[in-house]
N, C-alpha and C. Protein backbone atom coordinates (compact mmCIF):
# COMPACT_ATOMS: atom_id res chain seq x y z
N MET A 1 8.87 26.95 -10.15
CA MET A 1 8.52 27.67 -9.00
C MET A 1 7.86 26.69 -8.24
N HIS A 2 7.80 26.69 -6.85
CA HIS A 2 6.89 26.10 -6.43
C HIS A 2 5.71 26.61 -5.33
N TYR A 3 4.63 25.79 -5.46
CA TYR A 3 3.66 26.48 -4.90
C TYR A 3 3.30 25.40 -3.38
N THR A 4 2.31 25.95 -2.48
CA THR A 4 2.00 24.65 -1.71
C THR A 4 0.13 24.80 -2.05
N ILE A 5 0.13 24.03 -1.78
CA ILE A 5 -1.88 23.45 -2.64
C ILE A 5 -2.14 22.88 -1.40
N ASP A 6 -3.31 23.29 -0.34
CA ASP A 6 -3.83 22.96 0.12
C ASP A 6 -4.89 22.68 0.20
N GLN A 7 -5.87 23.02 -0.37
CA GLN A 7 -7.11 22.38 -1.04
C GLN A 7 -7.72 23.09 -2.52
N ALA A 8 -8.25 21.99 -3.21
CA ALA A 8 -8.81 21.91 -3.94
C ALA A 8 -8.83 23.34 -5.17
N SER A 9 -9.06 24.36 -4.37
CA SER A 9 -9.10 25.61 -4.99
C SER A 9 -7.92 25.97 -5.44
N ASP A 10 -6.74 25.61 -4.34
CA ASP A 10 -5.28 26.15 -5.19
C ASP A 10 -5.02 25.54 -6.18
N ILE A 11 -4.99 24.09 -6.47
CA ILE A 11 -4.78 23.40 -7.74
C ILE A 11 -5.35 23.76 -8.89
N GLY A 12 -6.84 24.48 -8.86
CA GLY A 12 -7.57 25.24 -9.69
C GLY A 12 -6.72 26.16 -10.31
N GLY A 13 -6.23 26.86 -9.34
CA GLY A 13 -5.58 28.28 -9.74
C GLY A 13 -4.28 27.93 -10.10
N VAL A 14 -3.72 26.86 -10.37
CA VAL A 14 -2.57 26.36 -10.71
C VAL A 14 -2.57 26.14 -12.40
N ILE A 15 -3.66 25.39 -12.63
CA ILE A 15 -4.31 24.84 -13.74
C ILE A 15 -4.47 26.24 -14.63
N ARG A 16 -5.24 26.57 -13.99
CA ARG A 16 -5.91 28.51 -14.54
C ARG A 16 -4.55 28.96 -14.88
N ALA A 17 -3.56 29.32 -14.17
CA ALA A 17 -2.40 29.84 -14.42
C ALA A 17 -1.12 29.17 -15.50
N ALA A 18 -1.02 28.23 -15.39
CA ALA A 18 -0.21 27.50 -16.14
C ALA A 18 -0.57 27.39 -18.02
N ARG A 19 -2.21 27.55 -17.94
CA ARG A 19 -2.94 27.56 -19.13
C ARG A 19 -3.11 28.81 -19.81
N LYS A 20 -3.24 30.05 -18.75
CA LYS A 20 -2.70 31.56 -19.37
C LYS A 20 -1.19 31.50 -19.77
N ALA A 21 -0.76 31.14 -18.60
CA ALA A 21 0.42 31.52 -19.16
C ALA A 21 1.23 30.67 -20.53
N GLN A 22 0.93 29.63 -20.92
CA GLN A 22 0.84 29.36 -22.67
C GLN A 22 0.09 30.20 -23.25
N GLN A 23 -0.72 31.19 -22.88
CA GLN A 23 -1.87 31.79 -23.84
C GLN A 23 -2.43 30.84 -24.48
N LEU A 24 -3.11 29.64 -23.64
CA LEU A 24 -4.44 28.68 -24.52
C LEU A 24 -5.65 29.06 -24.21
N ARG A 25 -6.61 28.84 -25.00
CA ARG A 25 -7.88 29.48 -24.71
C ARG A 25 -8.24 27.87 -24.02
N GLN A 26 -9.28 28.12 -23.04
CA GLN A 26 -9.90 27.16 -22.51
C GLN A 26 -10.23 25.64 -23.70
N ASP A 27 -10.95 26.00 -24.45
CA ASP A 27 -11.40 24.89 -25.35
C ASP A 27 -10.38 24.57 -26.43
N ASP A 28 -9.19 24.90 -26.57
CA ASP A 28 -8.08 24.90 -27.00
C ASP A 28 -7.18 23.52 -26.45
N ALA A 29 -7.05 24.34 -24.97
CA ALA A 29 -6.46 23.17 -24.08
C ALA A 29 -7.55 21.72 -23.99
N ALA A 30 -8.43 22.03 -23.86
CA ALA A 30 -9.13 21.36 -23.17
C ALA A 30 -8.79 19.66 -24.17
N GLY A 31 -9.09 20.32 -25.32
CA GLY A 31 -9.05 19.55 -26.99
C GLY A 31 -7.88 18.97 -27.19
N SER A 32 -6.80 19.53 -26.83
CA SER A 32 -5.24 18.93 -26.94
C SER A 32 -4.91 17.83 -25.40
N MET A 33 -5.62 18.29 -24.67
CA MET A 33 -5.26 17.19 -23.26
C MET A 33 -6.27 16.04 -23.67
N GLY A 34 -7.28 15.67 -24.50
CA GLY A 34 -8.36 14.65 -24.32
C GLY A 34 -9.69 14.71 -23.17
N VAL A 35 -9.53 16.22 -22.31
CA VAL A 35 -10.90 16.69 -21.72
C VAL A 35 -11.72 17.29 -22.39
N SER A 36 -12.81 17.52 -21.85
CA SER A 36 -14.27 18.17 -22.16
C SER A 36 -13.72 19.56 -21.23
N GLU A 37 -13.91 20.94 -22.52
CA GLU A 37 -14.07 21.84 -21.66
C GLU A 37 -14.57 22.57 -21.01
N SER A 38 -15.67 21.66 -20.99
CA SER A 38 -16.75 21.82 -19.26
C SER A 38 -15.79 20.86 -17.90
N PHE A 39 -14.63 19.62 -18.37
CA PHE A 39 -14.10 19.10 -17.23
C PHE A 39 -13.29 20.04 -16.87
N LEU A 40 -12.37 20.79 -17.66
CA LEU A 40 -11.35 21.96 -17.36
C LEU A 40 -11.98 23.37 -16.63
N GLY A 41 -13.32 23.36 -17.03
CA GLY A 41 -13.37 24.18 -16.37
C GLY A 41 -13.65 23.86 -15.00
N LYS A 42 -14.54 22.80 -14.77
CA LYS A 42 -14.92 22.37 -12.98
C LYS A 42 -13.13 22.23 -12.90
N ALA A 43 -12.27 21.86 -13.05
CA ALA A 43 -10.93 21.67 -12.24
C ALA A 43 -10.34 22.78 -12.09
N GLU A 44 -10.35 24.14 -13.03
CA GLU A 44 -10.08 25.20 -12.77
C GLU A 44 -10.55 26.20 -11.80
N ALA A 45 -11.77 25.72 -11.86
CA ALA A 45 -12.64 26.62 -10.38
C ALA A 45 -12.29 25.66 -9.14
N GLY A 46 -12.06 24.79 -9.02
CA GLY A 46 -11.08 24.06 -7.86
C GLY A 46 -12.67 23.24 -7.09
N ALA A 47 -13.35 22.39 -8.12
CA ALA A 47 -14.07 21.68 -7.95
C ALA A 47 -13.78 20.33 -6.96
N GLU A 48 -14.34 20.08 -6.39
CA GLU A 48 -13.72 19.03 -5.19
C GLU A 48 -14.04 17.67 -5.60
N SER A 49 -14.97 17.19 -6.75
CA SER A 49 -15.16 16.20 -7.10
C SER A 49 -14.62 16.08 -8.22
N VAL A 50 -13.48 16.02 -8.91
CA VAL A 50 -12.98 15.39 -10.21
C VAL A 50 -12.03 14.07 -10.53
N GLN A 51 -12.36 13.99 -11.69
CA GLN A 51 -11.47 12.29 -11.74
C GLN A 51 -10.09 12.84 -11.66
N TRP A 52 -9.48 11.80 -10.76
CA TRP A 52 -7.88 11.98 -10.40
C TRP A 52 -6.97 12.07 -12.07
N GLY A 53 -7.27 10.54 -13.07
CA GLY A 53 -7.12 10.51 -13.89
C GLY A 53 -7.09 12.09 -14.86
N LYS A 54 -8.55 12.32 -15.06
CA LYS A 54 -8.30 13.99 -15.88
C LYS A 54 -8.00 14.60 -15.04
N LEU A 55 -7.84 14.49 -13.64
CA LEU A 55 -6.90 16.36 -13.32
C LEU A 55 -5.73 16.09 -13.68
N PHE A 56 -4.76 14.77 -14.16
CA PHE A 56 -3.56 14.53 -14.08
C PHE A 56 -3.23 14.31 -15.49
N LEU A 57 -4.32 14.15 -16.30
CA LEU A 57 -4.30 14.61 -18.04
C LEU A 57 -3.89 16.17 -18.00
N ILE A 58 -4.55 16.88 -17.41
CA ILE A 58 -4.15 18.09 -17.27
C ILE A 58 -2.86 19.09 -17.21
N LEU A 59 -2.97 18.15 -16.07
CA LEU A 59 -1.75 18.23 -15.18
C LEU A 59 -0.23 18.33 -15.97
N GLN A 60 -0.60 17.17 -16.88
CA GLN A 60 0.80 16.75 -17.52
C GLN A 60 0.26 17.47 -19.16
N GLY A 61 -0.37 17.78 -19.49
CA GLY A 61 -0.81 18.89 -20.85
C GLY A 61 -0.28 20.08 -20.48
N LEU A 62 -0.21 20.35 -19.47
CA LEU A 62 0.12 21.86 -19.24
C LEU A 62 2.01 21.72 -18.82
N GLY A 63 2.30 20.83 -18.46
CA GLY A 63 3.98 20.30 -18.11
C GLY A 63 4.15 21.02 -16.84
N VAL A 64 2.74 21.18 -15.88
CA VAL A 64 2.73 20.80 -14.80
C VAL A 64 3.48 19.69 -13.77
N ARG A 65 4.61 19.77 -13.17
CA ARG A 65 4.96 18.91 -12.25
C ARG A 65 4.55 18.39 -11.00
N VAL A 66 3.72 17.54 -10.31
CA VAL A 66 3.38 17.70 -9.03
C VAL A 66 4.45 16.82 -8.06
N SER A 67 4.87 17.34 -6.76
CA SER A 67 5.79 16.42 -6.10
C SER A 67 5.41 16.55 -4.30
N VAL A 68 5.37 16.13 -3.35
CA VAL A 68 4.75 15.90 -2.42
C VAL A 68 5.74 15.79 -1.30
N ASP A 69 5.86 16.00 -0.07
CA ASP A 69 6.42 15.87 1.10
C ASP A 69 6.00 15.46 2.19
N ILE A 70 6.51 13.84 2.62
CA ILE A 70 5.88 13.07 3.46
C ILE A 70 6.35 13.38 4.61
N PRO A 71 6.19 14.01 5.80
CA PRO A 71 6.95 13.78 6.78
C PRO A 71 6.51 12.21 7.54
N ASP A 72 8.11 12.11 8.20
CA ASP A 72 8.49 10.84 8.89
C ASP A 72 8.03 9.86 7.76
N ALA A 73 8.14 9.73 6.55
CA ALA A 73 8.09 8.85 5.43
C ALA A 73 9.44 8.02 5.73
N ASP A 74 9.68 6.66 5.31
CA ASP A 74 11.21 6.35 4.65
C ASP A 74 10.83 6.23 3.05
N GLU A 75 11.84 6.53 2.60
CA GLU A 75 12.19 5.94 1.21
C GLU A 75 11.60 4.61 0.74
N GLY A 76 12.21 3.74 1.66
CA GLY A 76 12.14 2.50 1.26
C GLY A 76 10.22 2.00 1.00
N LEU A 77 9.50 2.42 2.96
CA LEU A 77 8.25 2.55 2.32
C LEU A 77 7.13 2.72 1.65
N LEU A 78 7.78 4.23 0.99
CA LEU A 78 7.30 4.96 0.18
C LEU A 78 7.20 4.16 -0.98
N LYS A 79 8.40 3.69 -1.34
CA LYS A 79 8.33 2.99 -2.76
C LYS A 79 7.48 1.56 -2.92
N ALA A 80 7.25 1.09 -1.47
CA ALA A 80 6.91 -0.57 -1.73
C ALA A 80 5.41 0.07 -1.94
N GLN A 81 4.81 0.98 -1.11
CA GLN A 81 3.64 1.21 -1.06
C GLN A 81 3.27 2.23 -3.03
N SER A 82 4.08 2.71 -3.41
CA SER A 82 3.81 3.00 -4.61
C SER A 82 3.93 1.85 -5.66
N ILE A 83 4.26 1.22 -5.50
CA ILE A 83 4.55 -0.23 -6.17
C ILE A 83 3.15 -0.81 -6.49
N LYS A 84 2.66 -1.00 -4.80
CA LYS A 84 1.26 -1.82 -5.01
C LYS A 84 0.62 -1.09 -5.13
N ALA A 85 0.66 0.57 -5.00
CA ALA A 85 -0.26 1.57 -5.68
C ALA A 85 -0.63 0.85 -7.43
N GLN A 86 0.68 0.75 -7.64
CA GLN A 86 0.72 0.74 -9.56
C GLN A 86 -0.07 -0.50 -9.62
N HIS A 87 0.34 -1.36 -8.78
CA HIS A 87 0.04 -2.98 -9.26
C HIS A 87 -1.64 -2.47 -9.08
N ARG A 88 -1.91 -1.97 -7.98
CA ARG A 88 -3.81 -2.27 -7.97
C ARG A 88 -4.26 -1.36 -9.46
N ALA A 89 -3.89 -0.72 -9.71
CA ALA A 89 -4.57 0.65 -10.56
C ALA A 89 -4.33 -0.46 -12.10
N ALA A 90 -3.21 -1.04 -12.04
CA ALA A 90 -3.04 -2.09 -13.16
C ALA A 90 -4.16 -2.79 -13.17
N VAL A 91 -4.24 -3.89 -11.75
CA VAL A 91 -5.12 -4.83 -12.37
C VAL A 91 -6.74 -4.10 -12.20
N ARG A 92 -7.09 -2.53 -11.94
CA ARG A 92 -8.22 -2.43 -12.08
C ARG A 92 -8.49 -2.15 -13.84
N ALA A 93 -7.47 -1.58 -14.27
CA ALA A 93 -7.63 -1.54 -15.52
C ALA A 93 -7.64 -2.44 -16.41
N PHE A 94 -7.18 -3.68 -15.76
CA PHE A 94 -7.24 -4.90 -16.94
C PHE A 94 -9.03 -5.76 -16.43
N ARG A 95 -9.20 -5.12 -15.70
CA ARG A 95 -10.81 -5.78 -15.10
C ARG A 95 -11.49 -4.92 -15.93
N ALA A 96 -11.18 -3.61 -16.28
CA ALA A 96 -12.11 -2.88 -17.20
C ALA A 96 -11.91 -3.54 -18.25
N ALA A 97 -11.03 -4.24 -18.77
CA ALA A 97 -10.62 -4.39 -20.28
C ALA A 97 -11.26 -5.71 -20.54
N GLU A 98 -11.08 -6.51 -19.55
CA GLU A 98 -11.87 -8.26 -19.37
C GLU A 98 -13.37 -7.71 -19.87
N GLN A 99 -13.76 -6.62 -18.87
CA GLN A 99 -15.30 -6.44 -18.86
C GLN A 99 -15.65 -5.80 -20.13
N THR A 100 -14.81 -4.97 -20.85
CA THR A 100 -15.28 -4.74 -22.03
C THR A 100 -14.96 -6.02 -23.15
N ALA A 101 -14.35 -6.67 -23.05
CA ALA A 101 -14.03 -7.95 -24.07
C ALA A 101 -15.30 -8.66 -23.85
N GLU A 102 -15.47 -9.26 -22.89
CA GLU A 102 -16.60 -9.95 -22.51
C GLU A 102 -17.79 -9.30 -23.22
N LYS A 103 -18.02 -7.48 -23.01
CA LYS A 103 -19.02 -6.94 -23.66
C LYS A 103 -19.40 -6.99 -24.91
N TRP A 104 -18.44 -7.42 -25.79
CA TRP A 104 -17.91 -7.47 -27.18
C TRP A 104 -17.85 -9.06 -27.66
N LYS A 105 -17.66 -10.01 -26.41
CA LYS A 105 -18.31 -11.09 -26.60
C LYS A 105 -16.86 -11.51 -27.59
N LEU A 106 -15.78 -10.85 -27.30
CA LEU A 106 -14.43 -11.57 -27.61
C LEU A 106 -13.56 -12.67 -27.39
N ARG A 107 -14.27 -13.48 -26.78
CA ARG A 107 -13.72 -14.17 -26.19
C ARG A 107 -13.32 -15.43 -27.76
N GLY A 108 -13.48 -15.99 -28.35
CA GLY A 108 -13.18 -16.66 -29.45
C GLY A 108 -12.24 -15.72 -30.48
N GLU A 109 -12.70 -14.48 -30.24
CA GLU A 109 -11.26 -13.67 -31.28
C GLU A 109 -10.33 -13.70 -30.55
N LEU A 110 -10.45 -13.37 -29.02
CA LEU A 110 -8.93 -13.04 -28.49
C LEU A 110 -7.88 -14.23 -28.85
N LEU A 111 -8.98 -15.61 -28.80
CA LEU A 111 -8.18 -16.91 -29.02
C LEU A 111 -7.11 -16.76 -30.26
N SER A 112 -7.74 -16.06 -30.85
CA SER A 112 -7.02 -16.20 -32.28
C SER A 112 -5.98 -14.99 -33.11
N ALA A 113 -6.24 -14.22 -31.34
CA ALA A 113 -5.96 -12.35 -32.41
C ALA A 113 -4.49 -12.57 -31.73
N THR A 114 -3.30 -12.07 -32.17
CA THR A 114 -2.34 -11.18 -31.79
C THR A 114 -2.34 -10.00 -31.87
N PRO A 115 -1.38 -9.71 -30.53
CA PRO A 115 -1.25 -8.27 -30.63
C PRO A 115 -1.51 -7.46 -32.13
N THR A 116 -0.21 -8.38 -33.06
CA THR A 116 0.04 -7.84 -34.30
C THR A 116 -0.87 -8.59 -35.55
N GLY A 117 -0.93 -9.52 -35.26
CA GLY A 117 -1.71 -10.33 -36.15
C GLY A 117 -2.76 -10.04 -36.24
N THR A 118 -3.73 -11.33 -35.98
CA THR A 118 -5.30 -10.84 -37.04
C THR A 118 -5.84 -10.10 -36.59
N LEU A 119 -5.33 -8.82 -35.46
CA LEU A 119 -6.47 -7.76 -35.20
C LEU A 119 -6.60 -7.20 -36.11
N SER A 120 -5.64 -6.55 -37.21
CA SER A 120 -6.43 -6.23 -38.36
C SER A 120 -7.20 -6.58 -39.61
N THR A 121 -7.61 -7.51 -38.85
CA THR A 121 -8.83 -8.48 -39.63
C THR A 121 -9.79 -7.80 -39.50
N LEU A 122 -10.17 -7.66 -37.63
CA LEU A 122 -11.14 -7.37 -36.92
C LEU A 122 -11.94 -6.08 -37.51
N ARG A 123 -13.07 -5.81 -36.97
CA ARG A 123 -13.60 -4.41 -37.12
C ARG A 123 -12.97 -3.39 -36.08
N PRO A 124 -12.78 -2.26 -36.10
CA PRO A 124 -11.90 -1.72 -35.18
C PRO A 124 -12.06 -1.41 -34.30
N GLU A 125 -13.32 -1.63 -33.70
CA GLU A 125 -13.70 -1.20 -32.37
C GLU A 125 -13.04 -2.83 -31.16
N ARG A 126 -13.32 -3.55 -32.16
CA ARG A 126 -12.96 -4.96 -31.59
C ARG A 126 -11.90 -5.16 -31.46
N ALA A 127 -11.05 -4.96 -32.63
CA ALA A 127 -9.53 -4.85 -32.28
C ALA A 127 -9.03 -3.95 -31.53
N LYS A 128 -9.18 -2.77 -31.17
CA LYS A 128 -8.78 -1.87 -30.12
C LYS A 128 -9.09 -2.86 -28.84
N ALA A 129 -10.32 -3.05 -28.42
CA ALA A 129 -10.27 -3.68 -27.74
C ALA A 129 -9.67 -4.84 -27.29
N ILE A 130 -9.43 -5.88 -27.99
CA ILE A 130 -8.59 -6.65 -27.79
C ILE A 130 -7.04 -6.65 -27.29
N ALA A 131 -6.78 -5.91 -28.29
CA ALA A 131 -5.25 -4.77 -27.87
C ALA A 131 -4.95 -4.40 -27.05
N GLU A 132 -5.45 -3.67 -26.13
CA GLU A 132 -5.82 -3.14 -25.24
C GLU A 132 -6.36 -4.19 -23.95
N LEU A 133 -6.69 -5.14 -23.88
CA LEU A 133 -6.62 -6.45 -23.36
C LEU A 133 -5.05 -6.69 -23.08
N PHE A 134 -4.80 -7.27 -23.66
CA PHE A 134 -3.59 -7.44 -24.59
C PHE A 134 -2.45 -6.74 -23.32
N ARG A 135 -2.10 -4.94 -23.92
CA ARG A 135 -1.60 -4.09 -22.99
C ARG A 135 -1.60 -4.17 -21.54
N LYS A 136 -2.85 -4.52 -21.57
CA LYS A 136 -3.13 -4.60 -20.08
C LYS A 136 -3.24 -5.81 -19.08
N ALA A 137 -3.15 -6.55 -19.70
CA ALA A 137 -2.90 -7.79 -19.24
C ALA A 137 -1.24 -7.75 -19.14
N LYS A 138 -0.19 -6.73 -20.12
CA LYS A 138 1.13 -6.85 -19.53
C LYS A 138 1.30 -6.10 -18.84
N ARG A 139 0.81 -5.08 -18.33
CA ARG A 139 0.79 -4.23 -17.30
C ARG A 139 0.42 -4.74 -15.99
N VAL A 140 -0.03 -5.66 -16.28
CA VAL A 140 -0.77 -6.73 -14.57
C VAL A 140 0.71 -7.11 -14.14
N LEU A 141 1.22 -8.00 -15.49
CA LEU A 141 2.29 -8.51 -14.77
C LEU A 141 3.81 -8.17 -14.95
N ASP A 142 3.64 -6.57 -15.17
CA ASP A 142 4.67 -6.49 -15.43
C ASP A 142 4.82 -5.76 -14.16
N THR A 143 3.72 -5.15 -13.22
CA THR A 143 3.61 -4.44 -12.05
C THR A 143 3.47 -5.54 -10.67
N ALA A 144 3.22 -6.86 -10.94
CA ALA A 144 3.55 -7.77 -10.34
C ALA A 144 4.75 -8.29 -9.46
N SER A 145 4.56 -8.40 -8.12
CA SER A 145 6.17 -8.09 -7.28
C SER A 145 6.27 -9.76 -7.52
N PRO A 146 7.14 -9.76 -7.47
CA PRO A 146 8.18 -11.30 -7.57
C PRO A 146 7.53 -12.07 -6.52
N ASP A 147 7.06 -11.79 -5.16
CA ASP A 147 6.40 -12.99 -4.34
C ASP A 147 5.22 -12.27 -4.35
N ALA A 148 4.50 -12.20 -5.27
CA ALA A 148 3.06 -12.02 -5.16
C ALA A 148 2.30 -13.62 -5.33
N ARG A 149 1.16 -13.44 -4.73
CA ARG A 149 0.12 -14.96 -4.33
C ARG A 149 -0.17 -15.13 -5.59
N ALA A 150 -0.76 -16.28 -6.43
CA ALA A 150 -1.01 -16.61 -7.10
C ALA A 150 -2.65 -16.17 -7.18
N SER A 151 -3.12 -14.91 -8.03
CA SER A 151 -4.63 -14.64 -7.80
C SER A 151 -5.43 -14.52 -9.20
N ASP A 152 -6.53 -14.61 -8.75
CA ASP A 152 -7.39 -15.11 -10.37
C ASP A 152 -6.76 -13.71 -11.52
N THR A 153 -6.52 -13.00 -10.76
CA THR A 153 -6.38 -11.78 -11.90
C THR A 153 -4.69 -11.57 -12.74
N LEU A 154 -4.04 -12.74 -11.96
CA LEU A 154 -2.88 -12.61 -12.53
C LEU A 154 -3.09 -14.04 -13.40
N THR A 155 -3.41 -14.61 -12.69
CA THR A 155 -3.77 -16.35 -14.09
C THR A 155 -4.65 -15.89 -15.06
N ARG A 156 -5.33 -14.70 -14.82
CA ARG A 156 -6.04 -14.51 -16.08
C ARG A 156 -5.27 -13.77 -17.24
N ALA A 157 -4.55 -13.18 -16.37
CA ALA A 157 -3.56 -12.03 -17.29
C ALA A 157 -2.54 -12.73 -18.19
N ARG A 158 -2.03 -13.46 -17.29
CA ARG A 158 -1.01 -14.76 -17.94
C ARG A 158 -1.48 -15.65 -18.95
N ASN A 159 -2.89 -15.66 -19.13
CA ASN A 159 -3.67 -16.57 -19.92
C ASN A 159 -3.87 -15.89 -21.00
N VAL A 160 -3.91 -14.63 -20.99
CA VAL A 160 -4.10 -14.09 -22.21
C VAL A 160 -2.91 -13.65 -22.60
N LEU A 161 -2.46 -13.62 -22.04
CA LEU A 161 -0.53 -13.03 -23.13
C LEU A 161 -0.39 -14.79 -23.41
N ALA A 162 -0.52 -15.59 -22.71
CA ALA A 162 -0.29 -17.01 -23.23
C ALA A 162 -1.15 -17.41 -25.12
N HIS A 163 -2.38 -17.12 -24.47
CA HIS A 163 -3.19 -17.45 -25.72
C HIS A 163 -2.53 -16.18 -27.32
N ALA A 164 -2.12 -15.00 -26.50
CA ALA A 164 -1.75 -14.48 -28.01
C ALA A 164 -0.14 -15.11 -28.67
N GLU A 165 0.97 -15.70 -26.96
CA GLU A 165 1.96 -16.25 -27.97
C GLU A 165 1.52 -17.46 -28.66
N ASP A 166 0.60 -18.24 -28.23
CA ASP A 166 0.28 -19.08 -29.02
C ASP A 166 -0.08 -19.04 -30.29
N ALA A 167 -0.95 -18.59 -30.76
CA ALA A 167 -1.73 -17.75 -31.87
C ALA A 167 -0.72 -17.53 -32.80
N SER A 168 0.23 -16.58 -32.16
CA SER A 168 1.62 -15.49 -32.82
C SER A 168 2.71 -16.65 -33.05
N GLU A 169 2.72 -17.93 -32.42
CA GLU A 169 3.44 -19.02 -32.89
C GLU A 169 3.32 -19.73 -33.85
N GLN A 170 1.44 -20.17 -34.10
CA GLN A 170 0.53 -20.84 -35.07
C GLN A 170 0.88 -19.96 -35.96
N LYS A 171 0.21 -18.91 -35.87
CA LYS A 171 0.91 -18.18 -37.43
C LYS A 171 2.02 -18.17 -38.19
N THR A 172 2.89 -18.08 -37.56
CA THR A 172 4.50 -17.92 -38.27
C THR A 172 4.94 -19.29 -38.09
N GLY A 173 4.26 -20.28 -38.01
CA GLY A 173 4.55 -21.77 -38.00
C GLY A 173 5.76 -22.44 -37.26
N LYS A 174 5.90 -21.77 -36.19
CA LYS A 174 6.93 -22.05 -34.48
C LYS A 174 5.75 -23.10 -34.18
N GLY A 175 4.96 -22.76 -33.95
CA GLY A 175 3.74 -24.07 -33.13
C GLY A 175 4.03 -25.37 -33.65
N ASN A 176 4.59 -25.79 -34.57
CA ASN A 176 4.46 -26.72 -35.46
C ASN A 176 5.84 -27.18 -35.24
N ALA A 177 6.81 -26.98 -34.95
CA ALA A 177 8.13 -27.25 -34.81
C ALA A 177 8.41 -27.80 -33.41
N ARG A 178 7.39 -27.22 -31.99
CA ARG A 178 7.39 -27.66 -30.67
C ARG A 178 6.96 -29.17 -30.80
N LYS A 179 5.84 -29.93 -32.05
CA LYS A 179 4.55 -30.80 -31.97
C LYS A 179 5.67 -32.02 -32.46
């Protein structure tokens, strides 16, 4: 079914209707989607200031697909801008992961860790922070356009992954074969 959304309260109604159609209680739905019951209630009420990421968690959790109709936009322009937006989001996420790593003072541990290697020997929260940094660094590089300018963020992401590869090669003995 297609439904036109013109304001926040419209999307709130869609969320509530989708939840009710699935016969889910608000607390059960919120828990299964990884948001608080309070946030789900605000989204259903059509609050004007909700976090986009959490809103899309709710929509995806309820199986609601969102499509847009953009007048006078050609497909090439839309695709190019979408790719740029994905890259900007990846950069923001990587920077946040870097700040978490810095908060935990993980620089030394990062140099000796690999995505699958020594992470298992670290405290769980530190291992999770390092794994997240590796994953987000890869996402930054995956979303970078081939003609992307050499930025500090891209350089840092490359360095994070290079450290992981170097540490992995040293653990498996492949690093010695090169020398």
